[in-house]
């Protein structure tokens, strides 16, 4: 029983880290895409 609880805890920590890494990568991709966009948006 204790082992199951521990491994569940480990898994949730791991998924938190994975989520943060995923969000960071997504933000980086968005940032580079925005940099590469032609800025005709600024005119509005």
N, C-alpha and C. Protein backbone atom coordinates (compact mmCIF):
# COMPACT_ATOMS: atom_id res chain seq x y z
N UNK A 1 0.83 -1.21 0.00
CA UNK A 1 0.00 0.00 0.00
C UNK A 1 0.86 1.27 0.00
N UNK A 2 1.78 1.34 0.93
CA UNK A 2 2.65 2.51 1.00
C UNK A 2 3.40 2.72 -0.31
N UNK A 3 3.82 1.59 -0.89
CA UNK A 3 4.57 1.70 -2.15
C UNK A 3 3.69 2.30 -3.25
N UNK A 4 2.44 1.89 -3.32
CA UNK A 4 1.53 2.42 -4.34
C UNK A 4 1.36 3.93 -4.17
N UNK A 5 1.15 4.35 -2.93
CA UNK A 5 0.99 5.79 -2.68
C UNK A 5 2.24 6.55 -3.10
N UNK A 6 3.38 5.98 -2.77
CA UNK A 6 4.64 6.65 -3.12
C UNK A 6 4.79 6.77 -4.63
N UNK A 7 4.51 5.68 -5.35
CA UNK A 7 4.70 5.72 -6.80
C UNK A 7 3.70 6.67 -7.45
N UNK A 8 2.48 6.75 -6.90
CA UNK A 8 1.52 7.72 -7.41
C UNK A 8 2.06 9.14 -7.26
N UNK A 9 2.60 9.41 -6.09
CA UNK A 9 3.17 10.73 -5.82
C UNK A 9 4.29 11.03 -6.81
N UNK A 10 5.17 10.07 -7.01
CA UNK A 10 6.26 10.23 -7.96
C UNK A 10 5.72 10.54 -9.35
N UNK A 11 4.70 9.80 -9.76
CA UNK A 11 4.16 10.00 -11.10
C UNK A 11 3.56 11.40 -11.25
N UNK A 12 2.87 11.88 -10.23
CA UNK A 12 2.26 13.21 -10.35
C UNK A 12 3.35 14.28 -10.40
N UNK A 13 4.41 14.11 -9.63
CA UNK A 13 5.53 15.04 -9.71
C UNK A 13 6.14 15.03 -11.11
N UNK A 14 6.30 13.85 -11.65
CA UNK A 14 6.89 13.71 -12.98
C UNK A 14 6.01 14.40 -14.02
N UNK A 15 4.69 14.22 -13.93
CA UNK A 15 3.81 14.82 -14.92
C UNK A 15 3.79 16.35 -14.76
N UNK A 16 3.94 16.85 -13.52
CA UNK A 16 4.07 18.29 -13.33
C UNK A 16 5.28 18.82 -14.09
N UNK A 17 6.40 18.12 -13.94
CA UNK A 17 7.61 18.55 -14.64
C UNK A 17 7.41 18.48 -16.15
N UNK A 18 6.78 17.40 -16.62
CA UNK A 18 6.53 17.25 -18.06
C UNK A 18 5.64 18.38 -18.56
N UNK A 19 4.60 18.71 -17.78
CA UNK A 19 3.70 19.79 -18.19
C UNK A 19 4.45 21.10 -18.30
N UNK A 20 5.30 21.38 -17.31
CA UNK A 20 6.07 22.64 -17.34
C UNK A 20 6.98 22.67 -18.55
N UNK A 21 7.64 21.57 -18.83
CA UNK A 21 8.53 21.50 -19.99
C UNK A 21 7.74 21.71 -21.28
N UNK A 22 6.57 21.10 -21.36
CA UNK A 22 5.73 21.23 -22.55
C UNK A 22 5.28 22.67 -22.74
N UNK A 23 4.84 23.31 -21.65
CA UNK A 23 4.40 24.70 -21.72
C UNK A 23 5.54 25.59 -22.16
N UNK A 24 6.74 25.36 -21.60
CA UNK A 24 7.89 26.17 -21.95
C UNK A 24 8.22 26.04 -23.43
N UNK A 25 8.21 24.79 -23.94
CA UNK A 25 8.50 24.57 -25.36
C UNK A 25 7.46 25.25 -26.23
N UNK A 26 6.19 25.16 -25.83
CA UNK A 26 5.12 25.78 -26.61
C UNK A 26 5.31 27.30 -26.65
N UNK A 27 5.64 27.89 -25.51
CA UNK A 27 5.87 29.33 -25.47
C UNK A 27 7.04 29.71 -26.37
N UNK A 28 8.10 28.91 -26.33
CA UNK A 28 9.26 29.19 -27.19
C UNK A 28 8.88 29.14 -28.66
N UNK A 29 8.08 28.13 -29.04
CA UNK A 29 7.64 28.01 -30.43
C UNK A 29 6.80 29.22 -30.83
N UNK A 30 5.88 29.62 -29.95
CA UNK A 30 5.04 30.78 -30.23
C UNK A 30 5.90 32.03 -30.40
N UNK A 31 6.87 32.20 -29.51
CA UNK A 31 7.72 33.39 -29.57
C UNK A 31 8.47 33.44 -30.89
N UNK A 32 9.04 32.31 -31.31
CA UNK A 32 9.80 32.33 -32.56
C UNK A 32 8.87 32.55 -33.75
N UNK A 33 7.65 32.02 -33.66
CA UNK A 33 6.69 32.23 -34.75
C UNK A 33 6.31 33.70 -34.84
N UNK A 34 6.12 34.33 -33.68
CA UNK A 34 5.78 35.76 -33.66
C UNK A 34 6.93 36.59 -34.22
N UNK A 35 8.17 36.23 -33.86
CA UNK A 35 9.33 36.96 -34.38
C UNK A 35 9.39 36.87 -35.90
N UNK A 36 9.01 35.73 -36.45
CA UNK A 36 9.09 35.53 -37.89
C UNK A 36 7.90 36.10 -38.65
N UNK A 37 6.87 36.53 -37.91
CA UNK A 37 5.70 37.09 -38.57
C UNK A 37 6.01 38.46 -39.17
N UNK A 38 5.47 38.74 -40.33
CA UNK A 38 5.58 40.11 -40.84
C UNK A 38 4.68 41.02 -39.99
N UNK A 39 5.21 42.15 -39.55
CA UNK A 39 4.45 42.95 -38.60
C UNK A 39 3.57 43.99 -39.28
N UNK A 40 2.66 43.52 -40.12
CA UNK A 40 1.62 44.41 -40.61
C UNK A 40 0.52 44.54 -39.56
N UNK A 41 0.65 43.76 -38.47
CA UNK A 41 -0.31 43.85 -37.38
C UNK A 41 -0.17 45.18 -36.63
N UNK A 42 1.04 45.72 -36.61
CA UNK A 42 1.30 46.94 -35.85
C UNK A 42 0.52 48.13 -36.39
N UNK A 43 0.19 48.10 -37.68
CA UNK A 43 -0.52 49.22 -38.28
C UNK A 43 -1.90 49.44 -37.68
N UNK A 44 -2.52 48.35 -37.18
CA UNK A 44 -3.87 48.50 -36.65
C UNK A 44 -3.78 49.11 -35.29
